[in-house]
Amino acid sequence: MTRVVHHLKSNVVAYLALFIALGGTGYAAIRLPAGSVDNRALRNHSVSAVKLDRGSIAGYVRDWARIDSNGRLVSSRPKARLIGWTETGPAPGGLIQWSRPVPASCFALAGTEILPDGSVAYASSQVASGGQSHAGQTYILMSAPQRAVNVAVLCPQP
């Protein structure tokens, strides 16, 4: 019995927060009619262009590309092309080039698809630098070949 009392004394704040959180969601589930909070509940113009303006958030996706598991560029914005892509060797991956240079303040992120068997893989990316010959290029390095990969170039607000 003393173990239970000691446990309750040690976790009183955690239990209090849990019951308050569950009480609020329980109240909303019981009191609000089904389907009452949806697109119709938003008043016209309550989400304005100012709230979605680039100046009101920290950054934005400048460029993106998707490469399928066969190493083909499926889609991109703006138009991009694969300079090179290899699925063998110690460093599978390649180089993507967009039609416009990538500013030095931007960075690239890459991620691979998740296969049904749950196998884990990763992709890393880096914006290339070093003069006009590398303008608009992003290096992609993958841990496993034959995976689809998504790449995004993110930039801070000007």
Protein backbone atom coordinates (compact mmCIF):
# COMPACT_ATOMS: atom_id res chain seq x y z
CA MET A 1 0.00 0.00 0.00
CA THR A 2 2.83 2.41 0.78
CA ARG A 3 4.24 1.91 -2.73
CA VAL A 4 0.94 3.08 -4.28
CA VAL A 5 0.77 6.14 -2.04
CA HIS A 6 4.40 6.99 -2.79
CA HIS A 7 3.74 6.63 -6.52
CA LEU A 8 0.68 8.91 -6.34
CA LYS A 9 2.57 11.55 -4.33
CA SER A 10 5.46 11.49 -6.83
CA ASN A 11 3.19 11.87 -9.86
CA VAL A 12 0.39 14.11 -8.64
CA VAL A 13 1.17 16.90 -11.15
CA ALA A 14 1.32 14.43 -14.05
CA TYR A 15 -2.04 12.89 -13.12
CA LEU A 16 -3.60 16.32 -12.69
CA ALA A 17 -2.43 17.39 -16.18
CA LEU A 18 -3.69 14.11 -17.65
CA PHE A 19 -7.18 14.50 -16.18
CA ILE A 20 -7.44 18.14 -17.25
CA ALA A 21 -6.44 17.24 -20.83
CA LEU A 22 -8.81 14.28 -20.96
CA GLY A 23 -11.60 16.38 -19.45
CA GLY A 24 -11.31 19.02 -22.17
CA THR A 25 -11.37 16.56 -25.04
CA GLY A 26 -14.18 14.59 -23.37
CA TYR A 27 -16.25 17.76 -23.01
CA ALA A 28 -15.71 18.63 -26.68
CA ALA A 29 -16.61 15.10 -27.76
CA ILE A 30 -19.87 15.14 -25.80
CA ARG A 31 -21.01 18.75 -26.25
CA LEU A 32 -20.07 19.52 -29.88
CA PRO A 33 -22.38 18.05 -32.53
CA ALA A 34 -20.84 15.62 -35.03
CA GLY A 35 -19.35 17.38 -38.07
CA SER A 36 -19.66 20.83 -36.51
CA VAL A 37 -16.01 21.74 -36.99
CA ASP A 38 -15.13 21.55 -40.68
CA ASN A 39 -14.57 23.84 -43.67
CA ARG A 40 -18.04 25.32 -43.25
CA ALA A 41 -17.17 26.43 -39.71
CA LEU A 42 -14.45 28.73 -41.08
CA ARG A 43 -15.76 32.14 -41.95
CA ASN A 44 -14.87 33.54 -45.37
CA HIS A 45 -11.57 35.39 -45.41
CA SER A 46 -10.65 34.29 -41.86
CA VAL A 47 -7.44 32.81 -43.30
CA SER A 48 -6.06 35.67 -45.31
CA ALA A 49 -3.15 35.95 -47.70
CA VAL A 50 -1.26 37.95 -45.05
CA LYS A 51 -1.29 34.91 -42.74
CA LEU A 52 0.22 32.79 -45.51
CA ASP A 53 2.62 35.46 -46.77
CA ARG A 54 6.29 34.46 -47.03
CA GLY A 55 7.18 37.31 -44.68
CA SER A 56 5.03 35.87 -41.88
CA ILE A 57 6.83 32.50 -41.73
CA ALA A 58 10.51 31.66 -41.35
CA GLY A 59 11.19 29.94 -44.67
CA TYR A 60 9.79 28.32 -47.77
CA VAL A 61 10.41 25.45 -50.19
CA ARG A 62 12.22 27.06 -53.14
CA ASP A 63 12.87 23.97 -55.29
CA TRP A 64 11.90 20.31 -55.08
CA ALA A 65 12.35 17.11 -57.05
CA ARG A 66 11.26 13.46 -56.92
CA ILE A 67 13.41 10.65 -58.26
CA ASP A 68 11.80 7.22 -58.61
CA SER A 69 13.37 3.93 -57.55
CA ASN A 70 14.76 3.42 -61.08
CA GLY A 71 16.81 6.62 -60.92
CA ARG A 72 14.53 8.72 -63.17
CA LEU A 73 13.48 12.27 -62.42
CA VAL A 74 9.69 12.03 -62.10
CA SER A 75 8.77 15.61 -61.22
CA SER A 76 10.35 18.87 -60.08
CA ARG A 77 9.74 22.55 -59.57
CA PRO A 78 11.22 24.49 -61.29
CA LYS A 79 12.40 22.24 -64.06
CA ALA A 80 15.39 20.16 -63.00
CA ARG A 81 17.58 17.51 -64.58
CA LEU A 82 19.74 14.69 -63.32
CA ILE A 83 23.40 15.29 -64.09
CA GLY A 84 24.37 11.82 -62.93
CA TRP A 85 22.78 8.97 -60.98
CA THR A 86 24.28 5.68 -59.89
CA GLU A 87 22.68 2.78 -58.04
CA THR A 88 25.90 0.84 -57.48
CA GLY A 89 29.14 1.38 -55.68
CA PRO A 90 29.91 2.72 -52.22
CA ALA A 91 27.91 5.94 -52.73
CA PRO A 92 24.64 5.47 -54.63
CA GLY A 93 22.94 8.72 -55.55
CA GLY A 94 23.79 11.56 -57.84
CA LEU A 95 23.45 15.19 -58.75
CA ILE A 96 20.32 17.24 -59.51
CA GLN A 97 20.54 20.59 -61.29
CA TRP A 98 17.80 23.20 -61.31
CA SER A 99 17.48 25.90 -63.94
CA ARG A 100 18.32 28.69 -61.49
CA PRO A 101 21.17 29.00 -58.98
CA VAL A 102 20.55 28.07 -55.35
CA PRO A 103 21.48 30.90 -52.95
CA ALA A 104 24.15 30.18 -50.35
CA SER A 105 21.64 30.78 -47.52
CA CYS A 106 19.51 27.80 -48.60
CA PHE A 107 19.90 24.15 -47.66
CA ALA A 108 18.63 20.85 -49.05
CA LEU A 109 16.75 17.99 -47.40
CA ALA A 110 16.28 14.50 -48.81
CA GLY A 111 14.23 11.51 -47.72
CA THR A 112 13.63 8.03 -49.09
CA GLU A 113 10.43 6.04 -49.44
CA ILE A 114 9.45 3.53 -46.77
CA LEU A 115 9.14 0.01 -48.14
CA PRO A 116 6.31 -2.34 -47.01
CA ASP A 117 8.78 -4.68 -45.31
CA GLY A 118 9.81 -1.82 -42.98
CA SER A 119 13.44 -1.74 -44.07
CA VAL A 120 15.21 1.48 -43.16
CA ALA A 121 17.23 3.66 -45.51
CA TYR A 122 18.27 7.27 -45.63
CA ALA A 123 19.17 9.93 -48.13
CA SER A 124 21.26 13.00 -47.44
CA SER A 125 21.66 16.06 -49.59
CA GLN A 126 23.90 19.07 -49.85
CA VAL A 127 23.68 22.18 -52.00
CA ALA A 128 26.79 22.30 -54.18
CA SER A 129 28.97 25.37 -54.03
CA GLY A 130 32.03 26.53 -55.86
CA GLY A 131 31.27 28.90 -58.68
CA GLN A 132 28.95 29.04 -61.67
CA SER A 133 29.63 25.45 -62.72
CA HIS A 134 27.86 24.24 -59.57
CA ALA A 135 25.05 26.81 -59.53
CA GLY A 136 21.69 25.22 -58.83
CA GLN A 137 23.07 21.75 -58.12
CA THR A 138 22.34 19.47 -55.19
CA TYR A 139 24.27 16.31 -54.30
CA ILE A 140 22.21 13.33 -53.10
CA LEU A 141 23.78 10.41 -51.22
CA MET A 142 21.68 7.35 -50.38
CA SER A 143 22.29 4.42 -48.04
CA ALA A 144 20.41 1.97 -50.26
CA PRO A 145 19.97 1.98 -54.03
CA GLN A 146 16.65 1.43 -55.77
CA ARG A 147 14.67 3.70 -53.47
CA ALA A 148 12.55 6.65 -54.49
CA VAL A 149 13.89 9.90 -53.05
CA ASN A 150 12.32 13.33 -52.48
CA VAL A 151 14.55 16.41 -52.36
CA ALA A 152 13.58 19.90 -51.21
CA VAL A 153 15.65 23.09 -51.17
CA LEU A 154 14.56 25.31 -48.29
CA CYS A 155 15.40 29.01 -48.04
CA PRO A 156 14.93 31.63 -45.33
CA GLN A 157 12.72 34.60 -45.97
CA PRO A 158 14.43 37.49 -47.77
